[in-house]
Amino acid sequence: MDRRTPGQRLDASQLGAELGKRATLVQFSSAFCQPCRATRRTLGEVAGMVDGVAHVEVDAESHLALVRELDITKTPTVLVLDAEGEVVRRASGQPRTADVVAALAHAL
């Protein structure tokens, strides 16, 4: 998880869910994406371990305007947002727990 998307900011209205108080893990998924299921588990576990961190899953097919705006080209894609909703890290593919925790450190 090392690609940055500096200056981009997301809010609850765009994501369809409330942001975490300290950080938010945003996962863009699609219905038939096998790695998306494993990513959902990993991000859910990390969000459950770290106080104030939320995990929000966004169906890429239902949010095409946002997918285009953020240049999401494959699923899963994970964005790490800080408390204000600014994207601080971005990665595509199934992440490892250690990588998610390390990326989250940039948001806290």
PDB file of N, CA and C in Angstrom:
ATOM      1  N   MET A   1       0.847  -1.187   0.000  1.00  0.00           N
ATOM      2  CA  MET A   1       0.000   0.000   0.000  1.00  0.00           C
ATOM      3  C   MET A   1       0.879   1.232   0.000  1.00  0.00           C
ATOM      4  N   ASP A   2       1.180   1.710  -1.149  1.00  0.00           N
ATOM      5  CA  ASP A   2       2.073   2.855  -1.154  1.00  0.00           C
ATOM      6  C   ASP A   2       1.717   3.921  -2.167  1.00  0.00           C
ATOM      7  N   ARG A   3       0.757   3.660  -3.017  1.00  0.00           N
ATOM      8  CA  ARG A   3       0.398   4.692  -3.995  1.00  0.00           C
ATOM      9  C   ARG A   3      -0.433   5.764  -3.313  1.00  0.00           C
ATOM     10  N   ARG A   4      -0.110   7.001  -3.570  1.00  0.00           N
ATOM     11  CA  ARG A   4      -0.846   8.117  -2.974  1.00  0.00           C
ATOM     12  C   ARG A   4      -1.772   8.741  -3.998  1.00  0.00           C
ATOM     13  N   THR A   5      -2.851   9.275  -3.499  1.00  0.00           N
ATOM     14  CA  THR A   5      -3.771  10.056  -4.303  1.00  0.00           C
ATOM     15  C   THR A   5      -3.934  11.376  -3.539  1.00  0.00           C
ATOM     16  N   PRO A   6      -2.917  12.216  -3.555  1.00  0.00           N
ATOM     17  CA  PRO A   6      -2.903  13.392  -2.697  1.00  0.00           C
ATOM     18  C   PRO A   6      -4.012  14.384  -3.020  1.00  0.00           C
ATOM     19  N   GLY A   7      -4.506  15.004  -1.964  1.00  0.00           N
ATOM     20  CA  GLY A   7      -5.475  16.068  -2.131  1.00  0.00           C
ATOM     21  C   GLY A   7      -6.896  15.614  -2.351  1.00  0.00           C
ATOM     22  N   GLN A   8      -7.117  14.338  -2.614  1.00  0.00           N
ATOM     23  CA  GLN A   8      -8.486  13.883  -2.800  1.00  0.00           C
ATOM     24  C   GLN A   8      -9.119  13.651  -1.440  1.00  0.00           C
ATOM     25  N   ARG A   9     -10.361  14.095  -1.321  1.00  0.00           N
ATOM     26  CA  ARG A   9     -11.073  13.979  -0.058  1.00  0.00           C
ATOM     27  C   ARG A   9     -12.440  13.366  -0.344  1.00  0.00           C
ATOM     28  N   LEU A  10     -12.836  12.430   0.504  1.00  0.00           N
ATOM     29  CA  LEU A  10     -14.137  11.778   0.377  1.00  0.00           C
ATOM     30  C   LEU A  10     -14.947  12.012   1.636  1.00  0.00           C
ATOM     31  N   ASP A  11     -16.268  11.991   1.484  1.00  0.00           N
ATOM     32  CA  ASP A  11     -17.121  12.160   2.658  1.00  0.00           C
ATOM     33  C   ASP A  11     -18.204  11.085   2.681  1.00  0.00           C
ATOM     34  N   ALA A  12     -18.987  11.090   3.753  1.00  0.00           N
ATOM     35  CA  ALA A  12     -20.005  10.063   3.958  1.00  0.00           C
ATOM     36  C   ALA A  12     -21.034  10.032   2.830  1.00  0.00           C
ATOM     37  N   SER A  13     -21.366  11.178   2.262  1.00  0.00           N
ATOM     38  CA  SER A  13     -22.366  11.197   1.196  1.00  0.00           C
ATOM     39  C   SER A  13     -21.857  10.497  -0.063  1.00  0.00           C
ATOM     40  N   GLN A  14     -20.572  10.600  -0.337  1.00  0.00           N
ATOM     41  CA  GLN A  14     -20.006   9.930  -1.501  1.00  0.00           C
ATOM     42  C   GLN A  14     -19.892   8.421  -1.288  1.00  0.00           C
ATOM     43  N   LEU A  15     -19.584   8.027  -0.059  1.00  0.00           N
ATOM     44  CA  LEU A  15     -19.335   6.617   0.245  1.00  0.00           C
ATOM     45  C   LEU A  15     -20.589   5.864   0.677  1.00  0.00           C
ATOM     46  N   GLY A  16     -21.617   6.593   1.092  1.00  0.00           N
ATOM     47  CA  GLY A  16     -22.833   5.941   1.558  1.00  0.00           C
ATOM     48  C   GLY A  16     -22.711   5.370   2.954  1.00  0.00           C
ATOM     49  N   ALA A  17     -21.710   5.812   3.704  1.00  0.00           N
ATOM     50  CA  ALA A  17     -21.498   5.350   5.080  1.00  0.00           C
ATOM     51  C   ALA A  17     -20.666   6.390   5.822  1.00  0.00           C
ATOM     52  N   GLU A  18     -20.792   6.375   7.132  1.00  0.00           N
ATOM     53  CA  GLU A  18     -20.044   7.322   7.958  1.00  0.00           C
ATOM     54  C   GLU A  18     -18.553   6.978   7.966  1.00  0.00           C
ATOM     55  N   LEU A  19     -17.731   8.009   8.027  1.00  0.00           N
ATOM     56  CA  LEU A  19     -16.289   7.828   8.147  1.00  0.00           C
ATOM     57  C   LEU A  19     -15.946   7.459   9.585  1.00  0.00           C
ATOM     58  N   GLY A  20     -14.810   6.800   9.764  1.00  0.00           N
ATOM     59  CA  GLY A  20     -14.326   6.501  11.102  1.00  0.00           C
ATOM     60  C   GLY A  20     -13.863   7.772  11.793  1.00  0.00           C
ATOM     61  N   LYS A  21     -13.873   7.772  13.112  1.00  0.00           N
ATOM     62  CA  LYS A  21     -13.451   8.959  13.870  1.00  0.00           C
ATOM     63  C   LYS A  21     -11.967   9.250  13.676  1.00  0.00           C
ATOM     64  N   ARG A  22     -11.157   8.196  13.500  1.00  0.00           N
ATOM     65  CA  ARG A  22      -9.715   8.389  13.335  1.00  0.00           C
ATOM     66  C   ARG A  22      -9.234   8.110  11.923  1.00  0.00           C
ATOM     67  N   ALA A  23      -9.862   7.145  11.255  1.00  0.00           N
ATOM     68  CA  ALA A  23      -9.451   6.767   9.894  1.00  0.00           C
ATOM     69  C   ALA A  23     -10.524   5.867   9.290  1.00  0.00           C
ATOM     70  N   THR A  24     -10.478   5.731   7.955  1.00  0.00           N
ATOM     71  CA  THR A  24     -11.430   4.889   7.249  1.00  0.00           C
ATOM     72  C   THR A  24     -10.708   4.078   6.189  1.00  0.00           C
ATOM     73  N   LEU A  25     -11.023   2.791   6.151  1.00  0.00           N
ATOM     74  CA  LEU A  25     -10.517   1.897   5.117  1.00  0.00           C
ATOM     75  C   LEU A  25     -11.635   1.724   4.105  1.00  0.00           C
ATOM     76  N   VAL A  26     -11.436   2.249   2.897  1.00  0.00           N
ATOM     77  CA  VAL A  26     -12.464   2.192   1.853  1.00  0.00           C
ATOM     78  C   VAL A  26     -12.055   1.129   0.842  1.00  0.00           C
ATOM     79  N   GLN A  27     -12.946   0.162   0.640  1.00  0.00           N
ATOM     80  CA  GLN A  27     -12.687  -0.935  -0.288  1.00  0.00           C
ATOM     81  C   GLN A  27     -13.649  -0.852  -1.456  1.00  0.00           C
ATOM     82  N   PHE A  28     -13.121  -0.756  -2.665  1.00  0.00           N
ATOM     83  CA  PHE A  28     -13.937  -0.826  -3.871  1.00  0.00           C
ATOM     84  C   PHE A  28     -13.939  -2.274  -4.333  1.00  0.00           C
ATOM     85  N   SER A  29     -15.136  -2.851  -4.450  1.00  0.00           N
ATOM     86  CA  SER A  29     -15.301  -4.260  -4.789  1.00  0.00           C
ATOM     87  C   SER A  29     -16.265  -4.428  -5.948  1.00  0.00           C
ATOM     88  N   SER A  30     -16.273  -5.637  -6.490  1.00  0.00           N
ATOM     89  CA  SER A  30     -17.273  -6.007  -7.489  1.00  0.00           C
ATOM     90  C   SER A  30     -17.830  -7.383  -7.108  1.00  0.00           C
ATOM     91  N   ALA A  31     -18.995  -7.695  -7.634  1.00  0.00           N
ATOM     92  CA  ALA A  31     -19.758  -8.867  -7.201  1.00  0.00           C
ATOM     93  C   ALA A  31     -19.009 -10.187  -7.351  1.00  0.00           C
ATOM     94  N   PHE A  32     -18.285 -10.375  -8.430  1.00  0.00           N
ATOM     95  CA  PHE A  32     -17.680 -11.674  -8.690  1.00  0.00           C
ATOM     96  C   PHE A  32     -16.180 -11.698  -8.419  1.00  0.00           C
ATOM     97  N   CYS A  33     -15.716 -10.778  -7.610  1.00  0.00           N
ATOM     98  CA  CYS A  33     -14.292 -10.639  -7.309  1.00  0.00           C
ATOM     99  C   CYS A  33     -13.929 -11.511  -6.097  1.00  0.00           C
ATOM    100  N   GLN A  34     -13.210 -12.608  -6.344  1.00  0.00           N
ATOM    101  CA  GLN A  34     -12.810 -13.501  -5.254  1.00  0.00           C
ATOM    102  C   GLN A  34     -11.865 -12.812  -4.257  1.00  0.00           C
ATOM    103  N   PRO A  35     -10.832 -12.077  -4.707  1.00  0.00           N
ATOM    104  CA  PRO A  35      -9.953 -11.409  -3.737  1.00  0.00           C
ATOM    105  C   PRO A  35     -10.689 -10.356  -2.899  1.00  0.00           C
ATOM    106  N   CYS A  36     -11.816  -9.863  -3.388  1.00  0.00           N
ATOM    107  CA  CYS A  36     -12.581  -8.871  -2.624  1.00  0.00           C
ATOM    108  C   CYS A  36     -13.115  -9.466  -1.321  1.00  0.00           C
ATOM    109  N   ARG A  37     -13.485 -10.742  -1.349  1.00  0.00           N
ATOM    110  CA  ARG A  37     -14.000 -11.392  -0.140  1.00  0.00           C
ATOM    111  C   ARG A  37     -12.917 -11.455   0.941  1.00  0.00           C
ATOM    112  N   ALA A  38     -11.720 -11.874   0.537  1.00  0.00           N
ATOM    113  CA  ALA A  38     -10.613 -11.951   1.489  1.00  0.00           C
ATOM    114  C   ALA A  38     -10.222 -10.560   1.983  1.00  0.00           C
ATOM    115  N   THR A  39     -10.267  -9.582   1.090  1.00  0.00           N
ATOM    116  CA  THR A  39      -9.951  -8.206   1.476  1.00  0.00           C
ATOM    117  C   THR A  39     -10.967  -7.692   2.485  1.00  0.00           C
ATOM    118  N   ARG A  40     -12.246  -8.011   2.280  1.00  0.00           N
ATOM    119  CA  ARG A  40     -13.305  -7.626   3.218  1.00  0.00           C
ATOM    120  C   ARG A  40     -12.990  -8.149   4.619  1.00  0.00           C
ATOM    121  N   ARG A  41     -12.588  -9.421   4.699  1.00  0.00           N
ATOM    122  CA  ARG A  41     -12.254 -10.013   6.003  1.00  0.00           C
ATOM    123  C   ARG A  41     -11.060  -9.306   6.636  1.00  0.00           C
ATOM    124  N   THR A  42     -10.004  -9.099   5.842  1.00  0.00           N
ATOM    125  CA  THR A  42      -8.790  -8.466   6.358  1.00  0.00           C
ATOM    126  C   THR A  42      -9.071  -7.058   6.873  1.00  0.00           C
ATOM    127  N   LEU A  43      -9.751  -6.251   6.067  1.00  0.00           N
ATOM    128  CA  LEU A  43     -10.022  -4.868   6.480  1.00  0.00           C
ATOM    129  C   LEU A  43     -10.978  -4.830   7.663  1.00  0.00           C
ATOM    130  N   GLY A  44     -11.942  -5.723   7.695  1.00  0.00           N
ATOM    131  CA  GLY A  44     -12.865  -5.795   8.836  1.00  0.00           C
ATOM    132  C   GLY A  44     -12.144  -6.138  10.123  1.00  0.00           C
ATOM    133  N   GLU A  45     -11.194  -7.070  10.032  1.00  0.00           N
ATOM    134  CA  GLU A  45     -10.405  -7.440  11.210  1.00  0.00           C
ATOM    135  C   GLU A  45      -9.564  -6.273  11.704  1.00  0.00           C
ATOM    136  N   VAL A  46      -8.892  -5.587  10.780  1.00  0.00           N
ATOM    137  CA  VAL A  46      -8.056  -4.444  11.174  1.00  0.00           C
ATOM    138  C   VAL A  46      -8.911  -3.345  11.782  1.00  0.00           C
ATOM    139  N   ALA A  47     -10.056  -3.038  11.156  1.00  0.00           N
ATOM    140  CA  ALA A  47     -10.945  -2.003  11.698  1.00  0.00           C
ATOM    141  C   ALA A  47     -11.438  -2.394  13.089  1.00  0.00           C
ATOM    142  N   GLY A  48     -11.660  -3.679  13.310  1.00  0.00           N
ATOM    143  CA  GLY A  48     -12.093  -4.142  14.626  1.00  0.00           C
ATOM    144  C   GLY A  48     -11.011  -4.062  15.681  1.00  0.00           C
ATOM    145  N   MET A  49      -9.751  -4.096  15.271  1.00  0.00           N
ATOM    146  CA  MET A  49      -8.619  -4.052  16.208  1.00  0.00           C
ATOM    147  C   MET A  49      -8.232  -2.634  16.604  1.00  0.00           C
ATOM    148  N   VAL A  50      -8.496  -1.668  15.733  1.00  0.00           N
ATOM    149  CA  VAL A  50      -8.020  -0.298  15.962  1.00  0.00           C
ATOM    150  C   VAL A  50      -9.202   0.615  16.239  1.00  0.00           C
ATOM    151  N   ASP A  51      -9.227   1.180  17.424  1.00  0.00           N
ATOM    152  CA  ASP A  51     -10.326   2.041  17.841  1.00  0.00           C
ATOM    153  C   ASP A  51     -10.457   3.262  16.924  1.00  0.00           C
ATOM    154  N   GLY A  52     -11.680   3.572  16.520  1.00  0.00           N
ATOM    155  CA  GLY A  52     -11.939   4.754  15.709  1.00  0.00           C
ATOM    156  C   GLY A  52     -11.725   4.556  14.224  1.00  0.00           C
ATOM    157  N   VAL A  53     -11.471   3.308  13.794  1.00  0.00           N
ATOM    158  CA  VAL A  53     -11.258   3.024  12.374  1.00  0.00           C
ATOM    159  C   VAL A  53     -12.484   2.301  11.822  1.00  0.00           C
ATOM    160  N   ALA A  54     -12.987   2.783  10.701  1.00  0.00           N
ATOM    161  CA  ALA A  54     -14.149   2.167  10.049  1.00  0.00           C
ATOM    162  C   ALA A  54     -13.711   1.506   8.750  1.00  0.00           C
ATOM    163  N   HIS A  55     -14.449   0.464   8.375  1.00  0.00           N
ATOM    164  CA  HIS A  55     -14.261  -0.188   7.073  1.00  0.00           C
ATOM    165  C   HIS A  55     -15.534   0.046   6.277  1.00  0.00           C
ATOM    166  N   VAL A  56     -15.390   0.622   5.089  1.00  0.00           N
ATOM    167  CA  VAL A  56     -16.519   0.893   4.209  1.00  0.00           C
ATOM    168  C   VAL A  56     -16.256   0.182   2.888  1.00  0.00           C
ATOM    169  N   GLU A  57     -17.202  -0.655   2.482  1.00  0.00           N
ATOM    170  CA  GLU A  57     -17.075  -1.338   1.193  1.00  0.00           C
ATOM    171  C   GLU A  57     -18.005  -0.672   0.195  1.00  0.00           C
ATOM    172  N   VAL A  58     -17.480  -0.343  -0.959  1.00  0.00           N
ATOM    173  CA  VAL A  58     -18.229   0.343  -2.008  1.00  0.00           C
ATOM    174  C   VAL A  58     -18.324  -0.585  -3.222  1.00  0.00           C
ATOM    175  N   ASP A  59     -19.545  -0.815  -3.687  1.00  0.00           N
ATOM    176  CA  ASP A  59     -19.755  -1.614  -4.897  1.00  0.00           C
ATOM    177  C   ASP A  59     -19.381  -0.748  -6.103  1.00  0.00           C
ATOM    178  N   ALA A  60     -18.288  -1.118  -6.754  1.00  0.00           N
ATOM    179  CA  ALA A  60     -17.775  -0.311  -7.866  1.00  0.00           C
ATOM    180  C   ALA A  60     -18.804  -0.148  -8.979  1.00  0.00           C
ATOM    181  N   GLU A  61     -19.560  -1.191  -9.265  1.00  0.00           N
ATOM    182  CA  GLU A  61     -20.528  -1.140 -10.362  1.00  0.00           C
ATOM    183  C   GLU A  61     -21.680  -0.179 -10.075  1.00  0.00           C
ATOM    184  N   SER A  62     -22.006   0.012  -8.809  1.00  0.00           N
ATOM    185  CA  SER A  62     -23.102   0.907  -8.429  1.00  0.00           C
ATOM    186  C   SER A  62     -22.660   2.349  -8.237  1.00  0.00           C
ATOM    187  N   HIS A  63     -21.355   2.582  -8.241  1.00  0.00           N
ATOM    188  CA  HIS A  63     -20.809   3.924  -8.001  1.00  0.00           C
ATOM    189  C   HIS A  63     -19.822   4.302  -9.102  1.00  0.00           C
ATOM    190  N   LEU A  64     -20.258   4.174 -10.347  1.00  0.00           N
ATOM    191  CA  LEU A  64     -19.354   4.384 -11.481  1.00  0.00           C
ATOM    192  C   LEU A  64     -18.776   5.794 -11.547  1.00  0.00           C
ATOM    193  N   ALA A  65     -19.554   6.796 -11.183  1.00  0.00           N
ATOM    194  CA  ALA A  65     -19.031   8.172 -11.220  1.00  0.00           C
ATOM    195  C   ALA A  65     -17.858   8.325 -10.256  1.00  0.00           C
ATOM    196  N   LEU A  66     -17.995   7.773  -9.056  1.00  0.00           N
ATOM    197  CA  LEU A  66     -16.917   7.852  -8.071  1.00  0.00           C
ATOM    198  C   LEU A  66     -15.710   7.020  -8.524  1.00  0.00           C
ATOM    199  N   VAL A  67     -15.957   5.863  -9.100  1.00  0.00           N
ATOM    200  CA  VAL A  67     -14.883   5.014  -9.622  1.00  0.00           C
ATOM    201  C   VAL A  67     -14.085   5.769 -10.687  1.00  0.00           C
ATOM    202  N   ARG A  68     -14.785   6.444 -11.570  1.00  0.00           N
ATOM    203  CA  ARG A  68     -14.093   7.220 -12.613  1.00  0.00           C
ATOM    204  C   ARG A  68     -13.325   8.398 -12.012  1.00  0.00           C
ATOM    205  N   GLU A  69     -13.952   9.098 -11.081  1.00  0.00           N
ATOM    206  CA  GLU A  69     -13.313  10.255 -10.445  1.00  0.00           C
ATOM    207  C   GLU A  69     -12.010   9.860  -9.743  1.00  0.00           C
ATOM    208  N   LEU A  70     -12.017   8.682  -9.114  1.00  0.00           N
ATOM    209  CA  LEU A  70     -10.847   8.229  -8.365  1.00  0.00           C
ATOM    210  C   LEU A  70      -9.906   7.356  -9.196  1.00  0.00           C
ATOM    211  N   ASP A  71     -10.258   7.132 -10.464  1.00  0.00           N
ATOM    212  CA  ASP A  71      -9.456   6.320 -11.369  1.00  0.00           C
ATOM    213  C   ASP A  71      -9.226   4.912 -10.808  1.00  0.00           C
ATOM    214  N   ILE A  72     -10.308   4.292 -10.341  1.00  0.00           N
ATOM    215  CA  ILE A  72     -10.267   2.909  -9.865  1.00  0.00           C
ATOM    216  C   ILE A  72     -10.326   2.029 -11.108  1.00  0.00           C
ATOM    217  N   THR A  73      -9.290   1.236 -11.343  1.00  0.00           N
ATOM    218  CA  THR A  73      -9.232   0.422 -12.557  1.00  0.00           C
ATOM    219  C   THR A  73      -9.391  -1.065 -12.303  1.00  0.00           C
ATOM    220  N   LYS A  74      -9.307  -1.498 -11.043  1.00  0.00           N
ATOM    221  CA  LYS A  74      -9.518  -2.912 -10.731  1.00  0.00           C
ATOM    222  C   LYS A  74     -10.000  -3.057  -9.304  1.00  0.00           C
ATOM    223  N   THR A  75     -10.576  -4.226  -9.035  1.00  0.00           N
ATOM    224  CA  THR A  75     -11.029  -4.515  -7.678  1.00  0.00           C
ATOM    225  C   THR A  75     -10.285  -5.744  -7.169  1.00  0.00           C
ATOM    226  N   PRO A  76      -9.979  -5.777  -5.882  1.00  0.00           N
ATOM    227  CA  PRO A  76     -10.244  -4.715  -4.925  1.00  0.00           C
ATOM    228  C   PRO A  76      -9.208  -3.593  -5.018  1.00  0.00           C
ATOM    229  N   THR A  77      -9.666  -2.388  -4.787  1.00  0.00           N
ATOM    230  CA  THR A  77      -8.792  -1.248  -4.570  1.00  0.00           C
ATOM    231  C   THR A  77      -9.141  -0.700  -3.192  1.00  0.00           C
ATOM    232  N   VAL A  78      -8.116  -0.422  -2.400  1.00  0.00           N
ATOM    233  CA  VAL A  78      -8.303   0.056  -1.035  1.00  0.00           C
ATOM    234  C   VAL A  78      -7.721   1.455  -0.908  1.00  0.00           C
ATOM    235  N   LEU A  79      -8.519   2.344  -0.328  1.00  0.00           N
ATOM    236  CA  LEU A  79      -8.059   3.694  -0.004  1.00  0.00           C
ATOM    237  C   LEU A  79      -8.034   3.822   1.511  1.00  0.00           C
ATOM    238  N   VAL A  80      -7.002   4.449   2.033  1.00  0.00           N
ATOM    239  CA  VAL A  80      -6.927   4.742   3.464  1.00  0.00           C
ATOM    240  C   VAL A  80      -7.158   6.239   3.611  1.00  0.00           C
ATOM    241  N   LEU A  81      -8.200   6.590   4.367  1.00  0.00           N
ATOM    242  CA  LEU A  81      -8.545   7.992   4.597  1.00  0.00           C
ATOM    243  C   LEU A  81      -8.191   8.384   6.016  1.00  0.00           C
ATOM    244  N   ASP A  82      -7.751   9.630   6.193  1.00  0.00           N
ATOM    245  CA  ASP A  82      -7.525  10.132   7.550  1.00  0.00           C
ATOM    246  C   ASP A  82      -8.858  10.588   8.145  1.00  0.00           C
ATOM    247  N   ALA A  83      -8.828  11.171   9.320  1.00  0.00           N
ATOM    248  CA  ALA A  83     -10.057  11.564  10.020  1.00  0.00           C
ATOM    249  C   ALA A  83     -10.883  12.588   9.248  1.00  0.00           C
ATOM    250  N   GLU A  84     -10.238  13.382   8.388  1.00  0.00           N
ATOM    251  CA  GLU A  84     -10.944  14.389   7.594  1.00  0.00           C
ATOM    252  C   GLU A  84     -11.403  13.847   6.246  1.00  0.00           C
ATOM    253  N   GLY A  85     -11.107  12.584   5.958  1.00  0.00           N
ATOM    254  CA  GLY A  85     -11.529  11.987   4.699  1.00  0.00           C
ATOM    255  C   GLY A  85     -10.540  12.145   3.564  1.00  0.00           C
ATOM    256  N   GLU A  86      -9.339  12.621   3.861  1.00  0.00           N
ATOM    257  CA  GLU A  86      -8.327  12.761   2.804  1.00  0.00           C
ATOM    258  C   GLU A  86      -7.651  11.418   2.549  1.00  0.00           C
ATOM    259  N   VAL A  87      -7.473  11.094   1.271  1.00  0.00           N
ATOM    260  CA  VAL A  87      -6.805   9.852   0.892  1.00  0.00           C
ATOM    261  C   VAL A  87      -5.322   9.989   1.206  1.00  0.00           C
ATOM    262  N   VAL A  88      -4.809   9.103   2.070  1.00  0.00           N
ATOM    263  CA  VAL A  88      -3.386   9.141   2.416  1.00  0.00           C
ATOM    264  C   VAL A  88      -2.615   7.965   1.839  1.00  0.00           C
ATOM    265  N   ARG A  89      -3.316   6.884   1.490  1.00  0.00           N
ATOM    266  CA  ARG A  89      -2.691   5.726   0.855  1.00  0.00           C
ATOM    267  C   ARG A  89      -3.703   5.058  -0.064  1.00  0.00           C
ATOM    268  N   ARG A  90      -3.175   4.337  -1.058  1.00  0.00           N
ATOM    269  CA  ARG A  90      -4.023   3.662  -2.041  1.00  0.00           C
ATOM    270  C   ARG A  90      -3.284   2.428  -2.537  1.00  0.00           C
ATOM    271  N   ALA A  91      -4.016   1.328  -2.723  1.00  0.00           N
ATOM    272  CA  ALA A  91      -3.408   0.114  -3.264  1.00  0.00           C
ATOM    273  C   ALA A  91      -4.468  -0.727  -3.955  1.00  0.00           C
ATOM    274  N   SER A  92      -4.042  -1.486  -4.959  1.00  0.00           N
ATOM    275  CA  SER A  92      -4.926  -2.419  -5.650  1.00  0.00           C
ATOM    276  C   SER A  92      -4.484  -3.833  -5.335  1.00  0.00           C
ATOM    277  N   GLY A  93      -5.432  -4.754  -5.385  1.00  0.00           N
ATOM    278  CA  GLY A  93      -5.130  -6.144  -5.089  1.00  0.00           C
ATOM    279  C   GLY A  93      -5.411  -6.466  -3.636  1.00  0.00           C
ATOM    280  N   GLN A  94      -5.283  -7.733  -3.316  1.00  0.00           N
ATOM    281  CA  GLN A  94      -5.576  -8.208  -1.965  1.00  0.00           C
ATOM    282  C   GLN A  94      -4.426  -7.858  -1.019  1.00  0.00           C
ATOM    283  N   PRO A  95      -4.687  -7.042   0.009  1.00  0.00           N
ATOM    284  CA  PRO A  95      -3.612  -6.622   0.907  1.00  0.00           C
ATOM    285  C   PRO A  95      -3.355  -7.642   2.018  1.00  0.00           C
ATOM    286  N   ARG A  96      -2.158  -7.608   2.552  1.00  0.00           N
ATOM    287  CA  ARG A  96      -1.838  -8.390   3.751  1.00  0.00           C
ATOM    288  C   ARG A  96      -2.169  -7.531   4.967  1.00  0.00           C
ATOM    289  N   THR A  97      -2.497  -8.173   6.062  1.00  0.00           N
ATOM    290  CA  THR A  97      -2.855  -7.455   7.286  1.00  0.00           C
ATOM    291  C   THR A  97      -1.747  -6.493   7.695  1.00  0.00           C
ATOM    292  N   ALA A  98      -0.500  -6.945   7.652  1.00  0.00           N
ATOM    293  CA  ALA A  98       0.624  -6.082   8.055  1.00  0.00           C
ATOM    294  C   ALA A  98       0.708  -4.834   7.180  1.00  0.00           C
ATOM    295  N   ASP A  99       0.412  -4.963   5.891  1.00  0.00           N
ATOM    296  CA  ASP A  99       0.454  -3.810   4.998  1.00  0.00           C
ATOM    297  C   ASP A  99      -0.666  -2.819   5.314  1.00  0.00           C
ATOM    298  N   VAL A 100      -1.825  -3.336   5.673  1.00  0.00           N
ATOM    299  CA  VAL A 100      -2.953  -2.462   6.023  1.00  0.00           C
ATOM    300  C   VAL A 100      -2.632  -1.698   7.294  1.00  0.00           C
ATOM    301  N   VAL A 101      -2.092  -2.393   8.293  1.00  0.00           N
ATOM    302  CA  VAL A 101      -1.746  -1.738   9.555  1.00  0.00           C
ATOM    303  C   VAL A 101      -0.680  -0.670   9.316  1.00  0.00           C
ATOM    304  N   ALA A 102       0.318  -0.966   8.497  1.00  0.00           N
ATOM    305  CA  ALA A 102       1.363   0.012   8.198  1.00  0.00           C
ATOM    306  C   ALA A 102       0.791   1.233   7.462  1.00  0.00           C
ATOM    307  N   ALA A 103      -0.096   1.009   6.508  1.00  0.00           N
ATOM    308  CA  ALA A 103      -0.701   2.114   5.767  1.00  0.00           C
ATOM    309  C   ALA A 103      -1.587   2.945   6.685  1.00  0.00           C
ATOM    310  N   LEU A 104      -2.258   2.278   7.586  1.00  0.00           N
ATOM    311  CA  LEU A 104      -3.146   2.972   8.522  1.00  0.00           C
ATOM    312  C   LEU A 104      -2.369   3.938   9.411  1.00  0.00           C
ATOM    313  N   ALA A 105      -1.133   3.594   9.715  1.00  0.00           N
ATOM    314  CA  ALA A 105      -0.303   4.465  10.543  1.00  0.00           C
ATOM    315  C   ALA A 105      -0.148   5.858   9.921  1.00  0.00           C
ATOM    316  N   HIS A 106      -0.228   5.958   8.599  1.00  0.00           N
ATOM    317  CA  HIS A 106      -0.103   7.254   7.933  1.00  0.00           C
ATOM    318  C   HIS A 106      -1.345   8.116   8.124  1.00  0.00           C
ATOM    319  N   ALA A 107      -2.439   7.496   8.514  1.00  0.00           N
ATOM    320  CA  ALA A 107      -3.699   8.228   8.677  1.00  0.00           C
ATOM    321  C   ALA A 107      -3.954   8.622  10.127  1.00  0.00           C
ATOM    322  N   LEU A 108      -3.316   7.928  11.052  1.00  0.00           N
ATOM    323  CA  LEU A 108      -3.603   8.177  12.483  1.00  0.00           C
ATOM    324  C   LEU A 108      -2.727   9.250  13.066  1.00  0.00           C
TER     325      LEU A 108
END
